[in-house]
Amino acid sequence: MDGSLFCCDSSFCPHCGSILPLPNSKKPIVCPLCSFKQDTSAYENKVEYTVKYFSLAKKRDKGVQESSGDGPLADRKCPQCGNDEMTYTTQQTRSADEGQTVFYTCPKCKFKETENS
């Protein structure tokens, strides 16, 4: 055995499990956490894939106002611009035995803040 603690993919350090940087030259790859050095020959037959996602939502929704500012008004002062009212929505973002999260949005400056109730 070579003293490795982890039996893993060459993308991970076999000593500490950290993600190794991609090779950009013939120099050995150095783990940023434990300084383990790995020869670049481990990457000789590897293929790198890049996936790019393009959103068409901006083109489709052009001219449509953001819906996050819609909702009932609350007597709450905006800490950003001092407006006396903010709209709000609620959502259950934590476990069921805990309170809801309230999302406030200022209709004037669009400042957003959250409150766990």
PDB file of N, CA and C in Angstrom:
ATOM      1  N   MET A   1       0.851  -1.195   0.000  1.00  0.00           N
ATOM      2  CA  MET A   1       0.000   0.000   0.000  1.00  0.00           C
ATOM      3  C   MET A   1       0.885   1.244   0.000  1.00  0.00           C
ATOM      4  N   ASP A   2       0.429   2.328  -0.610  1.00  0.00           N
ATOM      5  CA  ASP A   2       1.244   3.529  -0.775  1.00  0.00           C
ATOM      6  C   ASP A   2       1.052   4.560   0.330  1.00  0.00           C
ATOM      7  N   GLY A   3       0.359   4.231   1.410  1.00  0.00           N
ATOM      8  CA  GLY A   3       0.145   5.164   2.501  1.00  0.00           C
ATOM      9  C   GLY A   3      -1.063   6.054   2.313  1.00  0.00           C
ATOM     10  N   SER A   4      -1.852   5.828   1.271  1.00  0.00           N
ATOM     11  CA  SER A   4      -3.038   6.633   1.011  1.00  0.00           C
ATOM     12  C   SER A   4      -4.147   6.263   1.981  1.00  0.00           C
ATOM     13  N   LEU A   5      -4.845   7.254   2.474  1.00  0.00           N
ATOM     14  CA  LEU A   5      -5.980   7.018   3.351  1.00  0.00           C
ATOM     15  C   LEU A   5      -7.263   6.821   2.565  1.00  0.00           C
ATOM     16  N   PHE A   6      -7.322   7.379   1.364  1.00  0.00           N
ATOM     17  CA  PHE A   6      -8.520   7.320   0.543  1.00  0.00           C
ATOM     18  C   PHE A   6      -8.209   6.604  -0.765  1.00  0.00           C
ATOM     19  N   CYS A   7      -9.100   5.756  -1.196  1.00  0.00           N
ATOM     20  CA  CYS A   7      -9.024   5.146  -2.522  1.00  0.00           C
ATOM     21  C   CYS A   7     -10.042   5.909  -3.354  1.00  0.00           C
ATOM     22  N   CYS A   8      -9.562   6.750  -4.239  1.00  0.00           N
ATOM     23  CA  CYS A   8     -10.514   7.658  -4.868  1.00  0.00           C
ATOM     24  C   CYS A   8     -10.109   8.035  -6.285  1.00  0.00           C
ATOM     25  N   ASP A   9     -10.935   8.847  -6.869  1.00  0.00           N
ATOM     26  CA  ASP A   9     -10.726   9.431  -8.183  1.00  0.00           C
ATOM     27  C   ASP A   9      -9.494  10.336  -8.133  1.00  0.00           C
ATOM     28  N   SER A  10      -8.823  10.498  -9.255  1.00  0.00           N
ATOM     29  CA  SER A  10      -7.620  11.340  -9.293  1.00  0.00           C
ATOM     30  C   SER A  10      -7.920  12.824  -9.090  1.00  0.00           C
ATOM     31  N   SER A  11      -9.195  13.192  -9.053  1.00  0.00           N
ATOM     32  CA  SER A  11      -9.566  14.582  -8.801  1.00  0.00           C
ATOM     33  C   SER A  11      -9.486  14.929  -7.318  1.00  0.00           C
ATOM     34  N   PHE A  12      -9.303  13.910  -6.470  1.00  0.00           N
ATOM     35  CA  PHE A  12      -9.270  14.117  -5.027  1.00  0.00           C
ATOM     36  C   PHE A  12      -7.932  13.670  -4.456  1.00  0.00           C
ATOM     37  N   CYS A  13      -7.503  14.338  -3.413  1.00  0.00           N
ATOM     38  CA  CYS A  13      -6.249  13.994  -2.747  1.00  0.00           C
ATOM     39  C   CYS A  13      -6.410  12.651  -2.030  1.00  0.00           C
ATOM     40  N   PRO A  14      -5.515  11.689  -2.274  1.00  0.00           N
ATOM     41  CA  PRO A  14      -5.634  10.392  -1.612  1.00  0.00           C
ATOM     42  C   PRO A  14      -5.263  10.428  -0.127  1.00  0.00           C
ATOM     43  N   HIS A  15      -4.673  11.534   0.346  1.00  0.00           N
ATOM     44  CA  HIS A  15      -4.274  11.634   1.750  1.00  0.00           C
ATOM     45  C   HIS A  15      -5.319  12.328   2.612  1.00  0.00           C
ATOM     46  N   CYS A  16      -5.895  13.427   2.122  1.00  0.00           N
ATOM     47  CA  CYS A  16      -6.848  14.174   2.957  1.00  0.00           C
ATOM     48  C   CYS A  16      -8.247  14.251   2.353  1.00  0.00           C
ATOM     49  N   GLY A  17      -8.419  13.869   1.083  1.00  0.00           N
ATOM     50  CA  GLY A  17      -9.739  13.876   0.454  1.00  0.00           C
ATOM     51  C   GLY A  17     -10.142  15.199  -0.166  1.00  0.00           C
ATOM     52  N   SER A  18      -9.293  16.205  -0.127  1.00  0.00           N
ATOM     53  CA  SER A  18      -9.617  17.512  -0.718  1.00  0.00           C
ATOM     54  C   SER A  18      -9.671  17.428  -2.241  1.00  0.00           C
ATOM     55  N   ILE A  19     -10.398  18.350  -2.842  1.00  0.00           N
ATOM     56  CA  ILE A  19     -10.447  18.432  -4.301  1.00  0.00           C
ATOM     57  C   ILE A  19      -9.125  19.013  -4.786  1.00  0.00           C
ATOM     58  N   LEU A  20      -8.505  18.321  -5.734  1.00  0.00           N
ATOM     59  CA  LEU A  20      -7.238  18.795  -6.290  1.00  0.00           C
ATOM     60  C   LEU A  20      -7.496  19.753  -7.443  1.00  0.00           C
ATOM     61  N   PRO A  21      -6.643  20.762  -7.623  1.00  0.00           N
ATOM     62  CA  PRO A  21      -6.808  21.664  -8.767  1.00  0.00           C
ATOM     63  C   PRO A  21      -6.533  20.921 -10.071  1.00  0.00           C
ATOM     64  N   LEU A  22      -7.099  21.403 -11.157  1.00  0.00           N
ATOM     65  CA  LEU A  22      -6.859  20.798 -12.464  1.00  0.00           C
ATOM     66  C   LEU A  22      -5.438  21.104 -12.919  1.00  0.00           C
ATOM     67  N   PRO A  23      -4.807  20.159 -13.603  1.00  0.00           N
ATOM     68  CA  PRO A  23      -3.442  20.424 -14.077  1.00  0.00           C
ATOM     69  C   PRO A  23      -3.454  21.447 -15.204  1.00  0.00           C
ATOM     70  N   ASN A  24      -2.490  22.361 -15.174  1.00  0.00           N
ATOM     71  CA  ASN A  24      -2.384  23.341 -16.255  1.00  0.00           C
ATOM     72  C   ASN A  24      -0.983  23.344 -16.864  1.00  0.00           C
ATOM     73  N   SER A  25      -0.159  22.410 -16.427  1.00  0.00           N
ATOM     74  CA  SER A  25       1.183  22.245 -16.992  1.00  0.00           C
ATOM     75  C   SER A  25       1.645  20.830 -16.660  1.00  0.00           C
ATOM     76  N   LYS A  26       2.898  20.531 -16.944  1.00  0.00           N
ATOM     77  CA  LYS A  26       3.455  19.204 -16.642  1.00  0.00           C
ATOM     78  C   LYS A  26       3.970  19.111 -15.204  1.00  0.00           C
ATOM     79  N   LYS A  27       3.905  20.217 -14.462  1.00  0.00           N
ATOM     80  CA  LYS A  27       4.354  20.210 -13.073  1.00  0.00           C
ATOM     81  C   LYS A  27       3.394  19.368 -12.230  1.00  0.00           C
ATOM     82  N   PRO A  28       3.884  18.764 -11.148  1.00  0.00           N
ATOM     83  CA  PRO A  28       2.996  17.979 -10.277  1.00  0.00           C
ATOM     84  C   PRO A  28       1.895  18.849  -9.675  1.00  0.00           C
ATOM     85  N   ILE A  29       0.759  18.234  -9.428  1.00  0.00           N
ATOM     86  CA  ILE A  29      -0.370  18.933  -8.815  1.00  0.00           C
ATOM     87  C   ILE A  29      -0.168  18.875  -7.308  1.00  0.00           C
ATOM     88  N   VAL A  30      -0.316  20.017  -6.630  1.00  0.00           N
ATOM     89  CA  VAL A  30      -0.099  20.094  -5.189  1.00  0.00           C
ATOM     90  C   VAL A  30      -1.442  20.305  -4.502  1.00  0.00           C
ATOM     91  N   CYS A  31      -1.733  19.462  -3.511  1.00  0.00           N
ATOM     92  CA  CYS A  31      -2.969  19.595  -2.733  1.00  0.00           C
ATOM     93  C   CYS A  31      -2.905  20.889  -1.926  1.00  0.00           C
ATOM     94  N   PRO A  32      -3.940  21.739  -1.996  1.00  0.00           N
ATOM     95  CA  PRO A  32      -3.916  23.005  -1.263  1.00  0.00           C
ATOM     96  C   PRO A  32      -4.039  22.830   0.254  1.00  0.00           C
ATOM     97  N   LEU A  33      -4.493  21.651   0.703  1.00  0.00           N
ATOM     98  CA  LEU A  33      -4.682  21.449   2.139  1.00  0.00           C
ATOM     99  C   LEU A  33      -3.489  20.771   2.811  1.00  0.00           C
ATOM    100  N   CYS A  34      -3.006  19.658   2.231  1.00  0.00           N
ATOM    101  CA  CYS A  34      -1.944  18.895   2.905  1.00  0.00           C
ATOM    102  C   CYS A  34      -0.623  18.890   2.139  1.00  0.00           C
ATOM    103  N   SER A  35      -0.549  19.566   0.995  1.00  0.00           N
ATOM    104  CA  SER A  35       0.657  19.689   0.158  1.00  0.00           C
ATOM    105  C   SER A  35       1.103  18.386  -0.495  1.00  0.00           C
ATOM    106  N   PHE A  36       0.218  17.391  -0.558  1.00  0.00           N
ATOM    107  CA  PHE A  36       0.519  16.152  -1.274  1.00  0.00           C
ATOM    108  C   PHE A  36       0.736  16.484  -2.747  1.00  0.00           C
ATOM    109  N   LYS A  37       1.737  15.850  -3.362  1.00  0.00           N
ATOM    110  CA  LYS A  37       2.020  16.100  -4.780  1.00  0.00           C
ATOM    111  C   LYS A  37       1.611  14.887  -5.599  1.00  0.00           C
ATOM    112  N   GLN A  38       0.879  15.156  -6.689  1.00  0.00           N
ATOM    113  CA  GLN A  38       0.442  14.086  -7.587  1.00  0.00           C
ATOM    114  C   GLN A  38       0.950  14.374  -8.986  1.00  0.00           C
ATOM    115  N   ASP A  39       1.495  13.353  -9.619  1.00  0.00           N
ATOM    116  CA  ASP A  39       2.015  13.478 -10.974  1.00  0.00           C
ATOM    117  C   ASP A  39       0.859  13.710 -11.947  1.00  0.00           C
ATOM    118  N   THR A  40       1.083  14.509 -12.960  1.00  0.00           N
ATOM    119  CA  THR A  40       0.026  14.808 -13.938  1.00  0.00           C
ATOM    120  C   THR A  40      -0.284  13.631 -14.851  1.00  0.00           C
ATOM    121  N   SER A  41       0.485  12.558 -14.778  1.00  0.00           N
ATOM    122  CA  SER A  41       0.209  11.387 -15.624  1.00  0.00           C
ATOM    123  C   SER A  41      -1.133  10.751 -15.273  1.00  0.00           C
ATOM    124  N   ALA A  42      -1.640  11.003 -14.068  1.00  0.00           N
ATOM    125  CA  ALA A  42      -2.951  10.477 -13.670  1.00  0.00           C
ATOM    126  C   ALA A  42      -4.073  11.102 -14.491  1.00  0.00           C
ATOM    127  N   TYR A  43      -3.786  12.204 -15.170  1.00  0.00           N
ATOM    128  CA  TYR A  43      -4.800  12.924 -15.939  1.00  0.00           C
ATOM    129  C   TYR A  43      -4.646  12.739 -17.447  1.00  0.00           C
ATOM    130  N   GLU A  44      -3.739  11.875 -17.892  1.00  0.00           N
ATOM    131  CA  GLU A  44      -3.436  11.760 -19.323  1.00  0.00           C
ATOM    132  C   GLU A  44      -4.638  11.389 -20.184  1.00  0.00           C
ATOM    133  N   ASN A  45      -5.466  10.474 -19.760  1.00  0.00           N
ATOM    134  CA  ASN A  45      -6.605  10.033 -20.571  1.00  0.00           C
ATOM    135  C   ASN A  45      -7.935  10.572 -20.066  1.00  0.00           C
ATOM    136  N   LYS A  46      -7.898  11.630 -19.294  1.00  0.00           N
ATOM    137  CA  LYS A  46      -9.122  12.233 -18.764  1.00  0.00           C
ATOM    138  C   LYS A  46      -9.693  13.222 -19.771  1.00  0.00           C
ATOM    139  N   VAL A  47     -11.014  13.282 -19.826  1.00  0.00           N
ATOM    140  CA  VAL A  47     -11.711  14.231 -20.690  1.00  0.00           C
ATOM    141  C   VAL A  47     -12.401  15.241 -19.791  1.00  0.00           C
ATOM    142  N   GLU A  48     -12.247  16.511 -20.108  1.00  0.00           N
ATOM    143  CA  GLU A  48     -12.879  17.569 -19.327  1.00  0.00           C
ATOM    144  C   GLU A  48     -14.098  18.072 -20.083  1.00  0.00           C
ATOM    145  N   TYR A  49     -15.228  18.132 -19.392  1.00  0.00           N
ATOM    146  CA  TYR A  49     -16.470  18.616 -19.983  1.00  0.00           C
ATOM    147  C   TYR A  49     -16.846  19.946 -19.354  1.00  0.00           C
ATOM    148  N   THR A  50     -17.370  20.839 -20.159  1.00  0.00           N
ATOM    149  CA  THR A  50     -17.889  22.106 -19.670  1.00  0.00           C
ATOM    150  C   THR A  50     -19.326  22.228 -20.146  1.00  0.00           C
ATOM    151  N   VAL A  51     -20.231  22.477 -19.200  1.00  0.00           N
ATOM    152  CA  VAL A  51     -21.640  22.625 -19.530  1.00  0.00           C
ATOM    153  C   VAL A  51     -22.019  24.077 -19.275  1.00  0.00           C
ATOM    154  N   LYS A  52     -22.598  24.716 -20.272  1.00  0.00           N
ATOM    155  CA  LYS A  52     -23.039  26.100 -20.127  1.00  0.00           C
ATOM    156  C   LYS A  52     -24.551  26.139 -20.273  1.00  0.00           C
ATOM    157  N   TYR A  53     -25.207  26.849 -19.378  1.00  0.00           N
ATOM    158  CA  TYR A  53     -26.653  27.003 -19.413  1.00  0.00           C
ATOM    159  C   TYR A  53     -26.971  28.445 -19.784  1.00  0.00           C
ATOM    160  N   PHE A  54     -27.883  28.598 -20.691  1.00  0.00           N
ATOM    161  CA  PHE A  54     -28.311  29.924 -21.104  1.00  0.00           C
ATOM    162  C   PHE A  54     -29.780  30.072 -20.753  1.00  0.00           C
ATOM    163  N   SER A  55     -30.132  31.169 -20.136  1.00  0.00           N
ATOM    164  CA  SER A  55     -31.501  31.402 -19.721  1.00  0.00           C
ATOM    165  C   SER A  55     -32.218  32.270 -20.742  1.00  0.00           C
ATOM    166  N   LEU A  56     -33.363  31.803 -21.181  1.00  0.00           N
ATOM    167  CA  LEU A  56     -34.195  32.587 -22.087  1.00  0.00           C
ATOM    168  C   LEU A  56     -35.227  33.395 -21.319  1.00  0.00           C
ATOM    169  N   ALA A  57     -35.265  33.234 -20.008  1.00  0.00           N
ATOM    170  CA  ALA A  57     -36.267  33.906 -19.194  1.00  0.00           C
ATOM    171  C   ALA A  57     -36.171  35.425 -19.304  1.00  0.00           C
ATOM    172  N   LYS A  58     -34.979  35.969 -19.404  1.00  0.00           N
ATOM    173  CA  LYS A  58     -34.829  37.425 -19.488  1.00  0.00           C
ATOM    174  C   LYS A  58     -35.473  37.967 -20.757  1.00  0.00           C
ATOM    175  N   LYS A  59     -35.315  37.271 -21.863  1.00  0.00           N
ATOM    176  CA  LYS A  59     -35.919  37.721 -23.110  1.00  0.00           C
ATOM    177  C   LYS A  59     -37.434  37.574 -23.063  1.00  0.00           C
ATOM    178  N   ARG A  60     -37.902  36.448 -22.512  1.00  0.00           N
ATOM    179  CA  ARG A  60     -39.334  36.184 -22.454  1.00  0.00           C
ATOM    180  C   ARG A  60     -40.054  37.151 -21.530  1.00  0.00           C
ATOM    181  N   ASP A  61     -39.442  37.442 -20.378  1.00  0.00           N
ATOM    182  CA  ASP A  61     -40.091  38.261 -19.367  1.00  0.00           C
ATOM    183  C   ASP A  61     -39.757  39.743 -19.491  1.00  0.00           C
ATOM    184  N   LYS A  62     -39.175  40.144 -20.590  1.00  0.00           N
ATOM    185  CA  LYS A  62     -38.798  41.537 -20.765  1.00  0.00           C
ATOM    186  C   LYS A  62     -40.048  42.417 -20.668  1.00  0.00           C
ATOM    187  N   GLY A  63     -39.984  43.406 -19.811  1.00  0.00           N
ATOM    188  CA  GLY A  63     -41.113  44.301 -19.637  1.00  0.00           C
ATOM    189  C   GLY A  63     -42.076  43.852 -18.556  1.00  0.00           C
ATOM    190  N   VAL A  64     -41.941  42.638 -18.053  1.00  0.00           N
ATOM    191  CA  VAL A  64     -42.802  42.158 -16.981  1.00  0.00           C
ATOM    192  C   VAL A  64     -42.136  42.514 -15.664  1.00  0.00           C
ATOM    193  N   GLN A  65     -42.904  43.098 -14.761  1.00  0.00           N
ATOM    194  CA  GLN A  65     -42.351  43.534 -13.493  1.00  0.00           C
ATOM    195  C   GLN A  65     -42.100  42.337 -12.586  1.00  0.00           C
ATOM    196  N   GLU A  66     -41.085  42.433 -11.762  1.00  0.00           N
ATOM    197  CA  GLU A  66     -40.720  41.352 -10.853  1.00  0.00           C
ATOM    198  C   GLU A  66     -41.852  41.074  -9.878  1.00  0.00           C
ATOM    199  N   SER A  67     -42.196  39.792  -9.709  1.00  0.00           N
ATOM    200  CA  SER A  67     -43.337  39.433  -8.880  1.00  0.00           C
ATOM    201  C   SER A  67     -43.001  39.369  -7.399  1.00  0.00           C
ATOM    202  N   SER A  68     -41.701  39.368  -7.035  1.00  0.00           N
ATOM    203  CA  SER A  68     -41.339  39.261  -5.626  1.00  0.00           C
ATOM    204  C   SER A  68     -41.762  40.493  -4.830  1.00  0.00           C
ATOM    205  N   GLY A  69     -42.031  41.615  -5.475  1.00  0.00           N
ATOM    206  CA  GLY A  69     -42.479  42.807  -4.786  1.00  0.00           C
ATOM    207  C   GLY A  69     -43.978  42.849  -4.578  1.00  0.00           C
ATOM    208  N   ASP A  70     -44.709  41.937  -5.198  1.00  0.00           N
ATOM    209  CA  ASP A  70     -46.156  41.884  -5.040  1.00  0.00           C
ATOM    210  C   ASP A  70     -46.492  41.222  -3.714  1.00  0.00           C
ATOM    211  N   GLY A  71     -47.626  41.598  -3.169  1.00  0.00           N
ATOM    212  CA  GLY A  71     -48.066  40.993  -1.917  1.00  0.00           C
ATOM    213  C   GLY A  71     -48.674  42.052  -1.024  1.00  0.00           C
ATOM    214  N   PRO A  72     -49.159  41.635   0.128  1.00  0.00           N
ATOM    215  CA  PRO A  72     -49.768  42.597   1.050  1.00  0.00           C
ATOM    216  C   PRO A  72     -48.721  43.547   1.624  1.00  0.00           C
ATOM    217  N   LEU A  73     -49.190  44.719   2.018  1.00  0.00           N
ATOM    218  CA  LEU A  73     -48.301  45.729   2.597  1.00  0.00           C
ATOM    219  C   LEU A  73     -48.261  45.581   4.110  1.00  0.00           C
ATOM    220  N   ALA A  74     -47.095  45.763   4.678  1.00  0.00           N
ATOM    221  CA  ALA A  74     -46.918  45.733   6.130  1.00  0.00           C
ATOM    222  C   ALA A  74     -46.357  47.072   6.576  1.00  0.00           C
ATOM    223  N   ASP A  75     -46.738  47.489   7.782  1.00  0.00           N
ATOM    224  CA  ASP A  75     -46.191  48.718   8.360  1.00  0.00           C
ATOM    225  C   ASP A  75     -44.788  48.402   8.878  1.00  0.00           C
ATOM    226  N   ARG A  76     -43.839  48.429   7.988  1.00  0.00           N
ATOM    227  CA  ARG A  76     -42.445  48.109   8.322  1.00  0.00           C
ATOM    228  C   ARG A  76     -41.562  49.094   7.574  1.00  0.00           C
ATOM    229  N   LYS A  77     -40.659  49.733   8.290  1.00  0.00           N
ATOM    230  CA  LYS A  77     -39.794  50.748   7.691  1.00  0.00           C
ATOM    231  C   LYS A  77     -38.636  50.076   6.962  1.00  0.00           C
ATOM    232  N   CYS A  78     -38.400  50.505   5.731  1.00  0.00           N
ATOM    233  CA  CYS A  78     -37.298  49.978   4.936  1.00  0.00           C
ATOM    234  C   CYS A  78     -35.987  50.531   5.491  1.00  0.00           C
ATOM    235  N   PRO A  79     -35.041  49.664   5.871  1.00  0.00           N
ATOM    236  CA  PRO A  79     -33.772  50.164   6.402  1.00  0.00           C
ATOM    237  C   PRO A  79     -32.888  50.819   5.345  1.00  0.00           C
ATOM    238  N   GLN A  80     -33.187  50.586   4.082  1.00  0.00           N
ATOM    239  CA  GLN A  80     -32.370  51.133   2.989  1.00  0.00           C
ATOM    240  C   GLN A  80     -32.788  52.570   2.641  1.00  0.00           C
ATOM    241  N   CYS A  81     -34.089  52.771   2.374  1.00  0.00           N
ATOM    242  CA  CYS A  81     -34.528  54.093   1.895  1.00  0.00           C
ATOM    243  C   CYS A  81     -35.462  54.812   2.866  1.00  0.00           C
ATOM    244  N   GLY A  82     -35.902  54.133   3.938  1.00  0.00           N
ATOM    245  CA  GLY A  82     -36.767  54.780   4.918  1.00  0.00           C
ATOM    246  C   GLY A  82     -38.242  54.750   4.579  1.00  0.00           C
ATOM    247  N   ASN A  83     -38.650  54.082   3.499  1.00  0.00           N
ATOM    248  CA  ASN A  83     -40.062  53.958   3.141  1.00  0.00           C
ATOM    249  C   ASN A  83     -40.808  53.302   4.306  1.00  0.00           C
ATOM    250  N   ASP A  84     -42.046  53.774   4.601  1.00  0.00           N
ATOM    251  CA  ASP A  84     -42.786  53.295   5.770  1.00  0.00           C
ATOM    252  C   ASP A  84     -43.502  51.960   5.562  1.00  0.00           C
ATOM    253  N   GLU A  85     -43.596  51.470   4.330  1.00  0.00           N
ATOM    254  CA  GLU A  85     -44.299  50.216   4.071  1.00  0.00           C
ATOM    255  C   GLU A  85     -43.431  49.274   3.236  1.00  0.00           C
ATOM    256  N   MET A  86     -43.573  47.977   3.499  1.00  0.00           N
ATOM    257  CA  MET A  86     -42.895  46.952   2.714  1.00  0.00           C
ATOM    258  C   MET A  86     -43.901  45.845   2.410  1.00  0.00           C
ATOM    259  N   THR A  87     -43.788  45.239   1.231  1.00  0.00           N
ATOM    260  CA  THR A  87     -44.637  44.090   0.922  1.00  0.00           C
ATOM    261  C   THR A  87     -43.980  42.853   1.522  1.00  0.00           C
ATOM    262  N   TYR A  88     -44.791  41.804   1.707  1.00  0.00           N
ATOM    263  CA  TYR A  88     -44.214  40.592   2.288  1.00  0.00           C
ATOM    264  C   TYR A  88     -44.855  39.337   1.715  1.00  0.00           C
ATOM    265  N   THR A  89     -44.100  38.260   1.771  1.00  0.00           N
ATOM    266  CA  THR A  89     -44.590  36.918   1.465  1.00  0.00           C
ATOM    267  C   THR A  89     -44.006  36.001   2.528  1.00  0.00           C
ATOM    268  N   THR A  90     -44.662  34.863   2.749  1.00  0.00           N
ATOM    269  CA  THR A  90     -44.160  33.896   3.723  1.00  0.00           C
ATOM    270  C   THR A  90     -43.920  32.564   3.040  1.00  0.00           C
ATOM    271  N   GLN A  91     -42.980  31.816   3.600  1.00  0.00           N
ATOM    272  CA  GLN A  91     -42.673  30.503   3.048  1.00  0.00           C
ATOM    273  C   GLN A  91     -42.114  29.624   4.158  1.00  0.00           C
ATOM    274  N   GLN A  92     -42.451  28.339   4.119  1.00  0.00           N
ATOM    275  CA  GLN A  92     -41.921  27.377   5.087  1.00  0.00           C
ATOM    276  C   GLN A  92     -40.578  26.882   4.567  1.00  0.00           C
ATOM    277  N   THR A  93     -39.492  27.480   5.042  1.00  0.00           N
ATOM    278  CA  THR A  93     -38.162  27.122   4.545  1.00  0.00           C
ATOM    279  C   THR A  93     -37.412  26.212   5.502  1.00  0.00           C
ATOM    280  N   ARG A  94     -37.889  26.099   6.723  1.00  0.00           N
ATOM    281  CA  ARG A  94     -37.232  25.243   7.710  1.00  0.00           C
ATOM    282  C   ARG A  94     -38.148  24.067   8.028  1.00  0.00           C
ATOM    283  N   SER A  95     -37.829  23.300   9.047  1.00  0.00           N
ATOM    284  CA  SER A  95     -38.640  22.123   9.367  1.00  0.00           C
ATOM    285  C   SER A  95     -40.040  22.539   9.808  1.00  0.00           C
ATOM    286  N   ALA A  96     -40.968  21.599   9.746  1.00  0.00           N
ATOM    287  CA  ALA A  96     -42.381  21.896   9.985  1.00  0.00           C
ATOM    288  C   ALA A  96     -42.661  22.353  11.408  1.00  0.00           C
ATOM    289  N   ASP A  97     -41.828  21.966  12.371  1.00  0.00           N
ATOM    290  CA  ASP A  97     -42.079  22.365  13.756  1.00  0.00           C
ATOM    291  C   ASP A  97     -41.525  23.755  14.079  1.00  0.00           C
ATOM    292  N   GLU A  98     -40.938  24.422  13.095  1.00  0.00           N
ATOM    293  CA  GLU A  98     -40.439  25.784  13.281  1.00  0.00           C
ATOM    294  C   GLU A  98     -41.319  26.757  12.507  1.00  0.00           C
ATOM    295  N   GLY A  99     -41.192  28.030  12.822  1.00  0.00           N
ATOM    296  CA  GLY A  99     -42.014  29.051  12.179  1.00  0.00           C
ATOM    297  C   GLY A  99     -41.660  29.278  10.719  1.00  0.00           C
ATOM    298  N   GLN A 100     -42.473  30.104  10.079  1.00  0.00           N
ATOM    299  CA  GLN A 100     -42.257  30.428   8.669  1.00  0.00           C
ATOM    300  C   GLN A 100     -41.176  31.490   8.527  1.00  0.00           C
ATOM    301  N   THR A 101     -40.665  31.620   7.315  1.00  0.00           N
ATOM    302  CA  THR A 101     -39.745  32.698   6.987  1.00  0.00           C
ATOM    303  C   THR A 101     -40.549  33.768   6.261  1.00  0.00           C
ATOM    304  N   VAL A 102     -40.411  35.014   6.707  1.00  0.00           N
ATOM    305  CA  VAL A 102     -41.120  36.136   6.086  1.00  0.00           C
ATOM    306  C   VAL A 102     -40.115  36.895   5.224  1.00  0.00           C
ATOM    307  N   PHE A 103     -40.472  37.087   3.952  1.00  0.00           N
ATOM    308  CA  PHE A 103     -39.626  37.816   3.011  1.00  0.00           C
ATOM    309  C   PHE A 103     -40.253  39.187   2.783  1.00  0.00           C
ATOM    310  N   TYR A 104     -39.544  40.249   3.156  1.00  0.00           N
ATOM    311  CA  TYR A 104     -40.019  41.621   2.974  1.00  0.00           C
ATOM    312  C   TYR A 104     -39.317  42.246   1.774  1.00  0.00           C
ATOM    313  N   THR A 105     -40.073  43.033   0.987  1.00  0.00           N
ATOM    314  CA  THR A 105     -39.513  43.754  -0.153  1.00  0.00           C
ATOM    315  C   THR A 105     -40.040  45.180  -0.129  1.00  0.00           C
ATOM    316  N   CYS A 106     -39.144  46.130  -0.276  1.00  0.00           N
ATOM    317  CA  CYS A 106     -39.551  47.532  -0.343  1.00  0.00           C
ATOM    318  C   CYS A 106     -40.050  47.822  -1.752  1.00  0.00           C
ATOM    319  N   PRO A 107     -41.285  48.314  -1.904  1.00  0.00           N
ATOM    320  CA  PRO A 107     -41.796  48.617  -3.247  1.00  0.00           C
ATOM    321  C   PRO A 107     -41.107  49.820  -3.887  1.00  0.00           C
ATOM    322  N   LYS A 108     -40.450  50.637  -3.078  1.00  0.00           N
ATOM    323  CA  LYS A 108     -39.804  51.844  -3.587  1.00  0.00           C
ATOM    324  C   LYS A 108     -38.398  51.556  -4.129  1.00  0.00           C
ATOM    325  N   CYS A 109     -37.544  50.897  -3.323  1.00  0.00           N
ATOM    326  CA  CYS A 109     -36.151  50.685  -3.739  1.00  0.00           C
ATOM    327  C   CYS A 109     -35.816  49.215  -4.008  1.00  0.00           C
ATOM    328  N   LYS A 110     -36.793  48.316  -3.807  1.00  0.00           N
ATOM    329  CA  LYS A 110     -36.641  46.867  -4.054  1.00  0.00           C
ATOM    330  C   LYS A 110     -35.660  46.189  -3.094  1.00  0.00           C
ATOM    331  N   PHE A 111     -35.355  46.832  -1.953  1.00  0.00           N
ATOM    332  CA  PHE A 111     -34.512  46.202  -0.938  1.00  0.00           C
ATOM    333  C   PHE A 111     -35.244  44.994  -0.371  1.00  0.00           C
ATOM    334  N   LYS A 112     -34.514  43.913  -0.122  1.00  0.00           N
ATOM    335  CA  LYS A 112     -35.125  42.687   0.396  1.00  0.00           C
ATOM    336  C   LYS A 112     -34.482  42.313   1.722  1.00  0.00           C
ATOM    337  N   GLU A 113     -35.310  41.805   2.642  1.00  0.00           N
ATOM    338  CA  GLU A 113     -34.792  41.264   3.889  1.00  0.00           C
ATOM    339  C   GLU A 113     -35.685  40.118   4.342  1.00  0.00           C
ATOM    340  N   THR A 114     -35.152  39.258   5.189  1.00  0.00           N
ATOM    341  CA  THR A 114     -35.907  38.102   5.669  1.00  0.00           C
ATOM    342  C   THR A 114     -35.985  38.136   7.184  1.00  0.00           C
ATOM    343  N   GLU A 115     -37.020  37.467   7.695  1.00  0.00           N
ATOM    344  CA  GLU A 115     -37.205  37.354   9.138  1.00  0.00           C
ATOM    345  C   GLU A 115     -37.724  35.958   9.432  1.00  0.00           C
ATOM    346  N   ASN A 116     -37.055  35.247  10.324  1.00  0.00           N
ATOM    347  CA  ASN A 116     -37.522  33.928  10.739  1.00  0.00           C
ATOM    348  C   ASN A 116     -38.476  34.112  11.904  1.00  0.00           C
ATOM    349  N   SER A 117     -39.732  33.720  11.715  1.00  0.00           N
ATOM    350  CA  SER A 117     -40.725  33.915  12.778  1.00  0.00           C
ATOM    351  C   SER A 117     -40.959  32.641  13.546  1.00  0.00           C
TER     352      SER A 117
END
